[in-house]
Each structure stands twice: as structure tokens, then as C-alpha cells.
Amino acid sequence: MIEKPHFEARFLLPKYWLTWLSVGILYTISWLPYRWQLGMGRGLGRLFYRFVPRRAAIARRNLELCFPDMSSSDIESLVRKNMQNTGIAFFETGMAWWWPDWRIRRKLHVHGEEHLHAAQKDGKGVLLLLFHFLSLEVHARLHGFVKPAVGLYRPHNNAVMEYLQTLGRGRSNKYMIPRTDVRSMLQALDQGEIAGYLPDQDYGRKRTVFAPLFAVEKASTTTGTLLFAGNANCAVLPVTCFRRDDGSGYDMTFYPEFENFPTGNDVDDVTRVNHMIEFAIQQQPEQYMWIHRRFKTRPNEDDPDLYQR
């Protein structure tokens, strides 16, 4: 468990000066009007598209694999929009970490909150299935206004960024748990906490099975969802958070609890999770984090790399 972080004198060492400069610029920008930041984000995303071709190529390849019937022009249009949303996500980090409650809370539009209440009615914990949409930092901050939660996260290698991200993500929530600390996650769920978990990336071969995801018949899919759901007193509840196209805020939607889950059939169970991921992505495909190599782990180690063209 990671408690509220404290500032340390070592954060002022010269090796962190560039980090502080970058953070200072982002902090200053975060006070600009929201729509200005959206526009700046789109502009930054256009630069990503032009000058960071590797990430655009990964997004393009993921879309080709998931949607083989989509035309090349439609894929390219979606890649451009996705890069723009990636740029917006950069500025959303500043909003999520530093905006005062009154400013960010008015951007929240909640739907299906009754599903969260129903899942908690017997005192159970809630394993909240989150997905890697580009507004994820804002999602985490906004969720605390509905119900403060516990977050599973990957610690940052940079000590200053670790301090800032832990402080920022904990502003409206409870505490953070390193993603390798399975025991603390299980304890939190058994104690009735709401704990967020992201099951939609390629985490390699450990604790995974291969299951369908869109047109990819065998995608490496974590069984971590089943580990937590099967060993803790908890309900499994999906939630999405999308940025509104008109710039008026974010729609956070809670969906009904998974019933009879897990069943004991790992492939069937993670396929069910993947179907939920597909449903979420289809609503706002341009806002999903396509720049991750989602299909890098192949069923057989000698299978060809899907990202080598």
C-alpha cells in the first residue's frame, strides 16, 4: 500500500531539474481555459502524428488487426484522431492532478450509479474494471467524487514523477497499491473497498490465457481479473469514462455487475471481459490508447511479430 507521499529534499537535486521544469510548464498550462487546452492538445497530437511515426504506426497496426474490414482511409483518419486525443491526454494529466475540486467536478456527468450501489449493498468490495482510454487520469480523479477508491498502479522510475503522480491520483481517492502487490489488493477488496483494475493490455505470458479480442482470435489476456474476483469477497463491475465531443465534460457510466463470474473456465471468463472491452472501444474508438502494442505476445514464442512490417 502507498500512503500519501511526502516531499523529500532529494527531489531538489540537479538530476530532477528538467523534470521540475517540464512539470512547471504543464502546471501553468493547466490553469488555462479548458477549451484552450483541448485545442492545444489536438495541436500537440498532430505533431505526434508527424514526428513520432512509430507510435502512429503501432496504432495503425492495432486497428488493422482489430478491424480488417475497415478501409485504409478510414483507419488513417482514425489514427489521426487518436493522435489528437493522445495530445489532449497530456494536458488532461495536469487537469486531473492540479485542478481544484470545484473546477473539475463540474465536468462530471454520471450514469448508472445505481449499479455501483447495488454491488456494494451486501458490504462486498468492488473490483472496478477500467480500460485504457486516454482520459484515464481524469477518470481516476472524477471517480473520487462518486465514491473514493483504491488504485492499482505501476510505480514511476523517476522519484519526482512518482511523488507527483501518487499525490495527484490520490487527491480525491484513498490510496495506491503497486500492481505487483496482489495481497494488498485482495485485502482491500475483502475490506469492502472499491479497487480499480485495468485488464486490457498485453502483460506478457505470466497469468495470461489467449482469448479473442475483435478480429484477433488469440490475444494474450490477463487472468488477474479472475484472480481477484475468485479470491476476494467482491463484485466485478465495468465502468467507462469518455470525453464529450462538445467539450462540456466527461460521461462516466457504471454497468451492471458481472453475474456468475468467474465460472472456472478461464478462457470463457476472460473472453467475457474482452467482450466488454470491445463494447467500450466501439463507443469511442478514437479515445482508446491504441499506441500500446496490444498483440506483442504471440501464442507460440516463435510466431512472427505482428508489428514487423
Protein backbone atom coordinates (compact mmCIF):
# COMPACT_ATOMS: atom_id res chain seq x y z
CA MET A 1 0.00 0.00 0.00
CA ILE A 2 1.26 3.50 -0.84
CA GLU A 3 0.18 6.13 1.67
CA LYS A 4 0.03 9.85 0.91
CA PRO A 5 3.51 10.78 -0.35
CA HIS A 6 5.76 13.32 1.33
CA PHE A 7 8.17 15.77 -0.25
CA GLU A 8 11.82 14.82 0.12
CA ALA A 9 14.87 17.09 -0.06
CA ARG A 10 16.46 14.81 -2.68
CA PHE A 11 13.78 15.91 -5.15
CA LEU A 12 15.72 19.19 -5.48
CA LEU A 13 18.88 17.52 -6.79
CA PRO A 14 20.07 18.76 -10.21
CA LYS A 15 19.15 15.48 -11.90
CA TYR A 16 15.47 16.38 -11.34
CA TRP A 17 15.62 20.00 -12.52
CA LEU A 18 14.46 19.17 -16.04
CA THR A 19 11.56 17.18 -14.58
CA TRP A 20 10.53 20.16 -12.44
CA LEU A 21 10.79 22.49 -15.43
CA SER A 22 8.53 20.27 -17.52
CA VAL A 23 6.07 19.86 -14.65
CA GLY A 24 6.08 23.62 -14.04
CA ILE A 25 5.15 24.29 -17.66
CA LEU A 26 2.33 21.73 -17.53
CA TYR A 27 1.11 23.16 -14.22
CA THR A 28 0.99 26.67 -15.66
CA ILE A 29 -0.88 25.49 -18.77
CA SER A 30 -3.39 23.64 -16.57
CA TRP A 31 -4.84 26.98 -15.44
CA LEU A 32 -5.78 28.00 -18.98
CA PRO A 33 -9.43 27.66 -20.09
CA TYR A 34 -10.48 24.06 -20.71
CA ARG A 35 -11.30 24.52 -24.40
CA TRP A 36 -7.92 26.16 -24.98
CA GLN A 37 -6.24 23.10 -23.55
CA LEU A 38 -8.30 20.82 -25.77
CA GLY A 39 -7.18 22.82 -28.79
CA MET A 40 -3.55 22.76 -27.69
CA GLY A 41 -3.84 19.01 -27.16
CA ARG A 42 -5.12 18.46 -30.68
CA GLY A 43 -2.24 20.54 -32.00
CA LEU A 44 0.26 18.53 -29.97
CA GLY A 45 -1.35 15.34 -31.29
CA ARG A 46 -0.84 16.50 -34.87
CA LEU A 47 2.84 16.90 -34.04
CA PHE A 48 2.86 13.38 -32.56
CA TYR A 49 1.38 12.06 -35.79
CA ARG A 50 4.03 13.75 -37.90
CA PHE A 51 7.15 13.48 -35.75
CA VAL A 52 6.56 10.30 -33.69
CA PRO A 53 5.74 7.93 -36.55
CA ARG A 54 6.48 4.78 -34.53
CA ARG A 55 3.52 5.38 -32.21
CA ALA A 56 1.25 6.21 -35.11
CA ALA A 57 2.41 3.02 -36.81
CA ILE A 58 1.55 0.94 -33.72
CA ALA A 59 -1.93 2.49 -33.57
CA ARG A 60 -2.40 1.86 -37.30
CA ARG A 61 -1.34 -1.77 -36.97
CA ASN A 62 -3.63 -2.39 -33.99
CA LEU A 63 -6.56 -1.01 -35.95
CA GLU A 64 -5.69 -3.15 -38.98
CA LEU A 65 -5.60 -6.25 -36.79
CA CYS A 66 -8.82 -5.47 -34.92
CA PHE A 67 -10.83 -4.19 -37.88
CA PRO A 68 -9.61 -5.97 -41.03
CA ASP A 69 -12.69 -4.84 -42.96
CA MET A 70 -12.06 -1.17 -42.30
CA SER A 71 -10.71 0.72 -45.32
CA SER A 72 -7.18 2.10 -45.19
CA SER A 73 -8.51 5.66 -45.49
CA ASP A 74 -10.86 5.16 -42.53
CA ILE A 75 -8.03 3.64 -40.49
CA GLU A 76 -5.76 6.57 -41.28
CA SER A 77 -8.49 9.03 -40.32
CA LEU A 78 -8.94 7.21 -37.02
CA VAL A 79 -5.17 7.21 -36.40
CA ARG A 80 -5.08 10.99 -36.88
CA LYS A 81 -7.96 11.49 -34.45
CA ASN A 82 -6.34 9.10 -32.00
CA MET A 83 -3.09 11.04 -32.05
CA GLN A 84 -5.02 14.24 -31.37
CA ASN A 85 -6.71 12.61 -28.40
CA THR A 86 -3.30 11.43 -27.22
CA GLY A 87 -2.18 15.05 -27.23
CA ILE A 88 -5.24 16.08 -25.23
CA ALA A 89 -4.43 13.37 -22.67
CA PHE A 90 -1.12 15.12 -21.96
CA PHE A 91 -2.96 18.25 -20.78
CA GLU A 92 -5.66 16.22 -19.03
CA THR A 93 -2.96 14.92 -16.71
CA GLY A 94 -2.45 18.47 -15.45
CA MET A 95 -6.19 18.95 -15.04
CA ALA A 96 -6.53 15.69 -13.10
CA TRP A 97 -3.61 16.36 -10.78
CA TRP A 98 -3.97 20.08 -10.07
CA TRP A 99 -7.43 21.43 -10.79
CA PRO A 100 -9.36 22.37 -7.63
CA ASP A 101 -12.40 20.25 -6.85
CA TRP A 102 -14.91 22.93 -7.86
CA ARG A 103 -13.41 23.23 -11.33
CA ILE A 104 -13.09 19.58 -12.29
CA ARG A 105 -16.22 18.34 -10.51
CA ARG A 106 -18.50 20.38 -12.75
CA LYS A 107 -17.18 18.43 -15.74
CA LEU A 108 -18.56 15.14 -14.35
CA HIS A 109 -21.74 13.55 -15.72
CA VAL A 110 -22.54 10.22 -14.01
CA HIS A 111 -24.75 7.45 -15.42
CA GLY A 112 -25.69 4.09 -13.90
CA GLU A 113 -24.52 4.93 -10.39
CA GLU A 114 -27.24 2.64 -9.07
CA HIS A 115 -25.20 -0.34 -10.32
CA LEU A 116 -22.33 0.65 -8.05
CA HIS A 117 -24.63 1.00 -5.06
CA ALA A 118 -26.25 -2.37 -5.81
CA ALA A 119 -22.84 -4.07 -5.98
CA GLN A 120 -21.96 -2.73 -2.53
CA LYS A 121 -25.25 -3.43 -0.81
CA ASP A 122 -24.04 -6.58 0.99
CA GLY A 123 -20.81 -4.99 2.14
CA LYS A 124 -18.78 -6.56 -0.65
CA GLY A 125 -15.81 -4.91 -2.24
CA VAL A 126 -16.00 -3.86 -5.88
CA LEU A 127 -13.40 -4.82 -8.49
CA LEU A 128 -13.91 -1.95 -10.88
CA LEU A 129 -12.92 -2.83 -14.45
CA LEU A 130 -11.33 0.22 -16.05
CA PHE A 131 -9.94 0.41 -19.56
CA HIS A 132 -7.04 2.32 -21.10
CA PHE A 133 -8.90 5.25 -22.57
CA LEU A 134 -6.87 8.40 -22.94
CA SER A 135 -8.83 10.32 -20.31
CA LEU A 136 -7.85 7.75 -17.66
CA GLU A 137 -6.16 10.29 -15.36
CA VAL A 138 -9.30 12.44 -15.36
CA HIS A 139 -11.40 9.31 -14.85
CA ALA A 140 -9.47 8.44 -11.69
CA ARG A 141 -9.85 11.96 -10.27
CA LEU A 142 -13.55 12.17 -11.10
CA HIS A 143 -14.34 8.76 -9.64
CA GLY A 144 -13.43 10.02 -6.20
CA PHE A 145 -16.41 12.38 -6.32
CA VAL A 146 -18.72 9.40 -6.82
CA LYS A 147 -17.01 7.09 -4.31
CA PRO A 148 -13.34 7.30 -3.24
CA ALA A 149 -11.48 4.21 -4.40
CA VAL A 150 -8.20 2.34 -4.21
CA GLY A 151 -5.97 2.29 -7.29
CA LEU A 152 -3.63 -0.37 -8.63
CA TYR A 153 -0.74 1.28 -10.46
CA ARG A 154 2.77 0.92 -11.87
CA PRO A 155 5.34 2.94 -9.85
CA HIS A 156 7.30 5.51 -11.86
CA ASN A 157 11.06 5.15 -12.28
CA ASN A 158 11.57 8.89 -11.73
CA ALA A 159 11.28 9.66 -8.00
CA VAL A 160 9.79 13.13 -8.58
CA MET A 161 7.21 11.82 -11.04
CA GLU A 162 6.38 9.00 -8.61
CA TYR A 163 5.76 11.61 -5.91
CA LEU A 164 3.63 13.79 -8.19
CA GLN A 165 1.58 11.01 -9.76
CA THR A 166 0.83 9.38 -6.40
CA LEU A 167 -0.13 12.75 -4.91
CA GLY A 168 -2.23 13.70 -7.94
CA ARG A 169 -4.05 10.39 -8.25
CA GLY A 170 -4.83 10.37 -4.54
CA ARG A 171 -6.42 13.81 -4.42
CA SER A 172 -9.98 12.51 -4.43
CA ASN A 173 -9.33 8.81 -3.78
CA LYS A 174 -7.92 6.72 -0.94
CA TYR A 175 -4.54 5.10 -1.59
CA MET A 176 -2.47 3.39 -4.25
CA ILE A 177 -1.29 -0.22 -4.45
CA PRO A 178 1.68 -1.28 -6.64
CA ARG A 179 0.40 -3.61 -9.32
CA THR A 180 2.61 -6.47 -8.08
CA ASP A 181 1.15 -6.34 -4.55
CA VAL A 182 -1.62 -8.88 -5.04
CA ARG A 183 -2.07 -9.49 -1.32
CA SER A 184 -2.86 -5.83 -0.54
CA MET A 185 -5.33 -5.71 -3.42
CA LEU A 186 -7.14 -8.79 -2.10
CA GLN A 187 -7.19 -7.33 1.41
CA ALA A 188 -8.67 -4.07 0.15
CA LEU A 189 -11.46 -5.91 -1.66
CA ASP A 190 -12.17 -8.11 1.37
CA GLN A 191 -12.46 -4.94 3.46
CA GLY A 192 -15.21 -3.64 1.16
CA GLU A 193 -13.13 -1.17 -0.84
CA ILE A 194 -13.69 -0.18 -4.44
CA ALA A 195 -10.49 -1.06 -6.29
CA GLY A 196 -9.75 -0.21 -9.92
CA TYR A 197 -8.15 -2.75 -12.23
CA LEU A 198 -7.14 -2.50 -15.90
CA PRO A 199 -7.38 -5.85 -17.76
CA ASP A 200 -6.98 -4.62 -21.33
CA GLN A 201 -3.25 -4.56 -22.09
CA ASP A 202 -0.70 -7.19 -23.06
CA TYR A 203 1.11 -8.12 -19.84
CA GLY A 204 3.16 -10.93 -21.36
CA ARG A 205 2.81 -14.65 -20.59
CA LYS A 206 2.54 -14.63 -16.79
CA ARG A 207 -1.03 -15.14 -15.53
CA THR A 208 -2.50 -14.94 -19.03
CA VAL A 209 -4.52 -17.02 -21.47
CA PHE A 210 -5.15 -16.44 -25.15
CA ALA A 211 -8.66 -15.33 -26.00
CA PRO A 212 -10.45 -13.49 -28.83
CA LEU A 213 -10.36 -9.70 -28.99
CA PHE A 214 -12.06 -8.18 -32.03
CA ALA A 215 -10.67 -10.00 -35.10
CA VAL A 216 -7.58 -11.31 -33.27
CA GLU A 217 -8.53 -14.83 -32.25
CA LYS A 218 -5.71 -15.34 -29.77
CA ALA A 219 -4.82 -12.21 -27.82
CA SER A 220 -2.74 -12.54 -24.64
CA THR A 221 -5.25 -11.62 -21.92
CA THR A 222 -4.55 -11.32 -18.21
CA THR A 223 -6.26 -13.65 -15.76
CA GLY A 224 -5.69 -11.10 -13.00
CA THR A 225 -9.39 -10.26 -13.13
CA LEU A 226 -10.19 -13.88 -12.28
CA LEU A 227 -7.55 -13.98 -9.55
CA PHE A 228 -9.10 -11.04 -7.71
CA ALA A 229 -12.73 -11.97 -8.42
CA GLY A 230 -12.20 -15.58 -7.37
CA ASN A 231 -10.24 -14.96 -4.18
CA ALA A 232 -11.89 -11.89 -2.65
CA ASN A 233 -15.37 -11.05 -1.44
CA CYS A 234 -16.14 -8.68 -4.28
CA ALA A 235 -18.39 -7.84 -7.20
CA VAL A 236 -16.96 -7.22 -10.67
CA LEU A 237 -18.29 -4.02 -12.22
CA PRO A 238 -17.24 -2.35 -15.51
CA VAL A 239 -17.08 1.43 -15.84
CA THR A 240 -16.20 3.77 -18.71
CA CYS A 241 -15.34 7.46 -18.86
CA PHE A 242 -15.43 9.32 -22.19
CA ARG A 243 -14.68 12.92 -23.05
CA ARG A 244 -17.67 14.63 -24.61
CA ASP A 245 -17.13 15.79 -28.18
CA ASP A 246 -18.68 19.19 -27.45
CA GLY A 247 -16.14 19.96 -24.73
CA SER A 248 -18.72 20.03 -21.92
CA GLY A 249 -17.04 17.39 -19.78
CA TYR A 250 -16.92 13.63 -19.25
CA ASP A 251 -19.53 10.88 -19.18
CA MET A 252 -18.81 8.26 -16.51
CA THR A 253 -21.02 5.19 -16.89
CA PHE A 254 -21.30 2.25 -14.49
CA TYR A 255 -22.59 -1.03 -15.92
CA PRO A 256 -24.33 -3.94 -14.19
CA GLU A 257 -22.26 -6.35 -12.11
CA PHE A 258 -20.98 -9.45 -13.87
CA GLU A 259 -23.17 -12.33 -12.70
CA ASN A 260 -21.82 -15.86 -12.14
CA PHE A 261 -18.25 -14.68 -12.54
CA PRO A 262 -15.77 -16.27 -12.61
CA THR A 263 -17.10 -19.62 -13.76
CA GLY A 264 -13.87 -21.59 -13.55
CA ASN A 265 -13.32 -21.64 -17.31
CA ASP A 266 -10.52 -19.10 -17.72
CA VAL A 267 -10.82 -18.68 -21.49
CA ASP A 268 -14.58 -18.16 -21.35
CA ASP A 269 -14.26 -15.75 -18.44
CA VAL A 270 -11.57 -13.52 -19.96
CA THR A 271 -13.43 -13.64 -23.28
CA ARG A 272 -16.37 -12.14 -21.42
CA VAL A 273 -14.08 -9.38 -20.15
CA ASN A 274 -12.77 -8.84 -23.69
CA HIS A 275 -16.33 -8.50 -24.99
CA MET A 276 -16.82 -5.68 -22.51
CA ILE A 277 -13.60 -4.07 -23.72
CA GLU A 278 -14.84 -4.32 -27.30
CA PHE A 279 -18.16 -2.75 -26.32
CA ALA A 280 -16.39 0.15 -24.63
CA ILE A 281 -13.97 0.77 -27.50
CA GLN A 282 -16.74 0.74 -30.11
CA GLN A 283 -18.36 3.69 -28.37
CA GLN A 284 -15.33 5.99 -28.68
CA PRO A 285 -12.59 4.26 -30.70
CA GLU A 286 -10.63 7.47 -31.23
CA GLN A 287 -10.25 7.90 -27.45
CA TYR A 288 -8.68 4.49 -26.82
CA MET A 289 -4.94 4.01 -26.19
CA TRP A 290 -4.10 2.32 -29.49
CA ILE A 291 -0.40 3.22 -29.21
CA HIS A 292 0.22 0.22 -26.92
CA ARG A 293 1.42 -2.98 -28.66
CA ARG A 294 -1.60 -4.92 -27.54
CA PHE A 295 -0.75 -8.07 -29.52
CA LYS A 296 3.01 -8.29 -28.98
CA THR A 297 2.81 -11.63 -27.10
CA ARG A 298 2.04 -14.45 -29.52
CA PRO A 299 0.55 -17.86 -28.69
CA ASN A 300 3.85 -19.51 -29.64
CA GLU A 301 7.16 -17.79 -28.96
CA ASP A 302 8.38 -18.49 -32.49
CA ASP A 303 5.29 -16.92 -34.11
CA PRO A 304 6.14 -13.86 -36.24
CA ASP A 305 5.98 -10.41 -34.66
CA LEU A 306 2.73 -8.76 -35.75
CA TYR A 307 4.36 -5.34 -35.58
CA GLN A 308 7.17 -6.06 -38.03
CA ARG A 309 6.10 -4.94 -41.46
